[in-house]
Amino acid sequence: MEREVIAYKADYKKSSAVVVVLLPLMIICLVVLSVISFADDDDFGIVYGTTYLAFALVVLGVFILYCVQMFHTHAKCPNEVIVREGDELIFIKDRFKAADIKDIQYQRDRAGRWGFYYSSGQIKVFLNDGRVLKCWGIKDVEQVHGRLIGLIARSNTSVSEEKEEQNG
């Protein structure tokens, strides 16, 4: 049986290093700015400091939750995300034929709203039975998309040839 790995999990070591640096930096800034704002003796400083501290804690909490969710989701994903075995595809744990794919969409990761794009990204596979399989953190997502489109075209050609043989 022919086995081909179509998609691998992307390596996010660089972004994890950024998070490891940013998180302590945010905490240090939070502590320093809250101490500076509380250092003033009049009531305005206390009100301003409390408001700032509450806002900063909310921002820090959202950032921490996002990082935990991102790393947890990425960590539980296998290294080989999409594998072709013969005429079947395995998408993490789901097994289906290439002819069962209705549509494929991908989106590349980017740095910031207007930043440059990375080669990794998210891929969504829509199946004929209504299921939507998706995974983010796919390495070289454009190449994976192109390979899956090629497999769909090849499987549709072979299915139409089989129908012609049965009818003819």
Protein backbone atom coordinates (compact mmCIF):
# COMPACT_ATOMS: atom_id res chain seq x y z
CA MET A 1 0.00 0.00 0.00
CA GLU A 2 1.39 3.34 -1.07
CA ARG A 3 1.77 5.87 1.78
CA GLU A 4 2.37 9.59 1.27
CA VAL A 5 2.48 12.28 3.93
CA ILE A 6 0.76 15.33 2.46
CA ALA A 7 0.80 17.72 5.42
CA TYR A 8 3.08 18.11 8.41
CA LYS A 9 2.57 20.16 11.56
CA ALA A 10 4.41 23.49 11.40
CA ASP A 11 7.24 24.24 13.78
CA TYR A 12 6.27 27.13 16.04
CA LYS A 13 9.49 27.35 18.06
CA LYS A 14 10.08 30.97 17.04
CA SER A 15 6.62 32.12 18.06
CA SER A 16 6.84 30.20 21.33
CA ALA A 17 10.09 32.02 22.08
CA VAL A 18 8.33 35.32 21.40
CA VAL A 19 5.58 34.38 23.85
CA VAL A 20 8.12 33.32 26.47
CA VAL A 21 9.78 36.74 26.12
CA LEU A 22 6.58 38.79 25.83
CA LEU A 23 4.75 37.30 28.79
CA PRO A 24 7.35 38.23 31.44
CA LEU A 25 7.81 41.60 29.76
CA MET A 26 4.07 42.29 30.00
CA ILE A 27 4.03 41.25 33.66
CA ILE A 28 7.02 43.48 34.48
CA CYS A 29 5.41 46.44 32.68
CA LEU A 30 2.16 45.80 34.53
CA VAL A 31 3.89 45.81 37.92
CA VAL A 32 6.08 48.85 37.18
CA LEU A 33 3.27 50.97 35.78
CA SER A 34 0.89 50.05 38.58
CA VAL A 35 3.52 50.96 41.20
CA ILE A 36 4.17 54.27 39.43
CA SER A 37 0.47 55.07 39.25
CA PHE A 38 -0.13 54.19 42.91
CA ALA A 39 2.90 56.23 44.04
CA ASP A 40 0.95 59.49 43.77
CA ASP A 41 -0.71 60.55 47.03
CA ASP A 42 -3.88 62.23 45.80
CA ASP A 43 -7.09 60.39 44.93
CA PHE A 44 -6.73 60.84 41.18
CA GLY A 45 -3.68 58.58 41.15
CA ILE A 46 -5.49 55.84 43.02
CA VAL A 47 -8.51 55.96 40.71
CA TYR A 48 -6.31 56.10 37.63
CA GLY A 49 -4.08 53.32 38.94
CA THR A 50 -7.00 51.05 39.76
CA THR A 51 -8.55 51.61 36.34
CA TYR A 52 -5.24 51.00 34.61
CA LEU A 53 -4.53 47.91 36.70
CA ALA A 54 -7.95 46.41 35.94
CA PHE A 55 -7.55 47.05 32.22
CA ALA A 56 -4.00 45.68 32.19
CA LEU A 57 -5.08 42.54 34.06
CA VAL A 58 -7.86 41.93 31.53
CA VAL A 59 -5.45 42.34 28.60
CA LEU A 60 -2.89 40.10 30.29
CA GLY A 61 -5.55 37.47 31.06
CA VAL A 62 -6.78 37.40 27.46
CA PHE A 63 -3.21 37.11 26.20
CA ILE A 64 -2.43 34.25 28.59
CA LEU A 65 -5.63 32.38 27.70
CA TYR A 66 -4.90 32.77 23.99
CA CYS A 67 -1.35 31.45 24.41
CA VAL A 68 -2.46 28.48 26.51
CA GLN A 69 -5.20 27.60 23.99
CA MET A 70 -2.82 28.00 21.05
CA PHE A 71 -0.07 25.83 22.51
CA HIS A 72 -2.49 23.20 23.85
CA THR A 73 -4.25 22.85 20.48
CA HIS A 74 -0.98 22.74 18.56
CA ALA A 75 0.66 20.31 20.98
CA LYS A 76 -2.06 17.67 20.67
CA CYS A 77 -1.92 17.70 16.85
CA PRO A 78 0.19 14.85 15.38
CA ASN A 79 3.28 15.61 13.28
CA GLU A 80 1.73 13.97 10.22
CA VAL A 81 -1.59 15.79 9.79
CA ILE A 82 -2.78 14.55 6.38
CA VAL A 83 -1.64 11.15 5.08
CA ARG A 84 -2.63 9.33 1.90
CA GLU A 85 -2.76 5.54 2.11
CA GLY A 86 -3.71 4.09 -1.25
CA ASP A 87 -6.92 5.80 -2.34
CA GLU A 88 -7.84 6.95 1.19
CA LEU A 89 -6.85 10.07 3.08
CA ILE A 90 -6.34 10.30 6.84
CA PHE A 91 -6.90 13.77 8.31
CA ILE A 92 -5.62 13.49 11.90
CA LYS A 93 -8.04 10.69 12.90
CA ASP A 94 -10.72 10.86 10.18
CA ARG A 95 -10.45 8.50 7.21
CA PHE A 96 -12.15 9.23 3.86
CA LYS A 97 -11.63 8.93 0.11
CA ALA A 98 -10.39 11.86 -1.99
CA ALA A 99 -13.62 11.67 -4.02
CA ASP A 100 -15.57 12.47 -0.81
CA ILE A 101 -14.02 15.96 -0.62
CA LYS A 102 -16.43 18.71 -1.59
CA ASP A 103 -14.17 21.73 -1.11
CA ILE A 104 -10.82 22.75 0.38
CA GLN A 105 -9.95 26.17 1.78
CA TYR A 106 -6.74 27.44 3.28
CA GLN A 107 -5.55 30.58 5.03
CA ARG A 108 -1.93 31.50 5.60
CA ASP A 109 -0.75 32.80 8.98
CA ARG A 110 0.35 36.41 9.01
CA ALA A 111 2.23 38.74 11.29
CA GLY A 112 -0.15 41.45 12.41
CA ARG A 113 -3.05 42.86 10.48
CA TRP A 114 -0.98 44.24 7.61
CA GLY A 115 2.15 42.16 8.14
CA PHE A 116 3.83 39.62 5.94
CA TYR A 117 2.49 36.10 5.48
CA TYR A 118 4.08 32.90 6.73
CA SER A 119 4.12 29.66 4.76
CA SER A 120 2.18 27.90 7.51
CA GLY A 121 -1.54 28.30 8.04
CA GLN A 122 -4.94 26.70 8.47
CA ILE A 123 -6.65 24.25 6.15
CA LYS A 124 -10.34 23.31 6.04
CA VAL A 125 -11.62 20.23 4.24
CA PHE A 126 -15.36 20.11 3.50
CA LEU A 127 -16.69 16.60 2.92
CA ASN A 128 -19.79 15.53 0.98
CA ASP A 129 -21.42 14.18 4.15
CA GLY A 130 -21.38 17.67 5.71
CA ARG A 131 -18.37 17.28 7.98
CA VAL A 132 -15.78 20.05 8.13
CA LEU A 133 -12.27 19.00 9.09
CA LYS A 134 -9.87 21.77 9.99
CA CYS A 135 -6.44 22.15 11.46
CA TRP A 136 -4.23 25.17 11.90
CA GLY A 137 -0.49 25.11 12.10
CA ILE A 138 0.01 23.26 8.81
CA LYS A 139 3.47 23.57 7.28
CA ASP A 140 3.53 24.89 3.65
CA VAL A 141 -0.25 25.18 3.53
CA GLU A 142 -0.38 26.36 -0.11
CA GLN A 143 1.48 23.28 -1.32
CA VAL A 144 -0.80 21.05 0.76
CA HIS A 145 -3.84 22.75 -0.78
CA GLY A 146 -2.46 22.23 -4.29
CA ARG A 147 -1.66 18.57 -3.61
CA LEU A 148 -5.17 17.91 -2.25
CA ILE A 149 -6.73 19.63 -5.28
CA GLY A 150 -4.60 17.38 -7.50
CA LEU A 151 -5.77 14.27 -5.62
CA ILE A 152 -9.41 15.36 -5.97
CA ALA A 153 -9.00 15.92 -9.71
CA ARG A 154 -7.30 12.54 -10.12
CA SER A 155 -9.94 10.72 -8.07
CA ASN A 156 -12.79 12.42 -9.96
CA THR A 157 -11.18 11.41 -13.27
CA SER A 158 -10.82 7.79 -12.14
CA VAL A 159 -14.42 7.73 -10.84
CA SER A 160 -15.75 9.05 -14.16
CA GLU A 161 -13.65 6.49 -16.07
CA GLU A 162 -15.08 3.68 -13.90
CA LYS A 163 -18.63 4.90 -14.63
CA GLU A 164 -17.89 4.96 -18.38
CA GLU A 165 -16.57 1.39 -18.21
CA GLN A 166 -19.69 0.24 -16.36
CA ASN A 167 -22.01 2.00 -18.84
CA GLY A 168 -20.04 1.09 -21.99
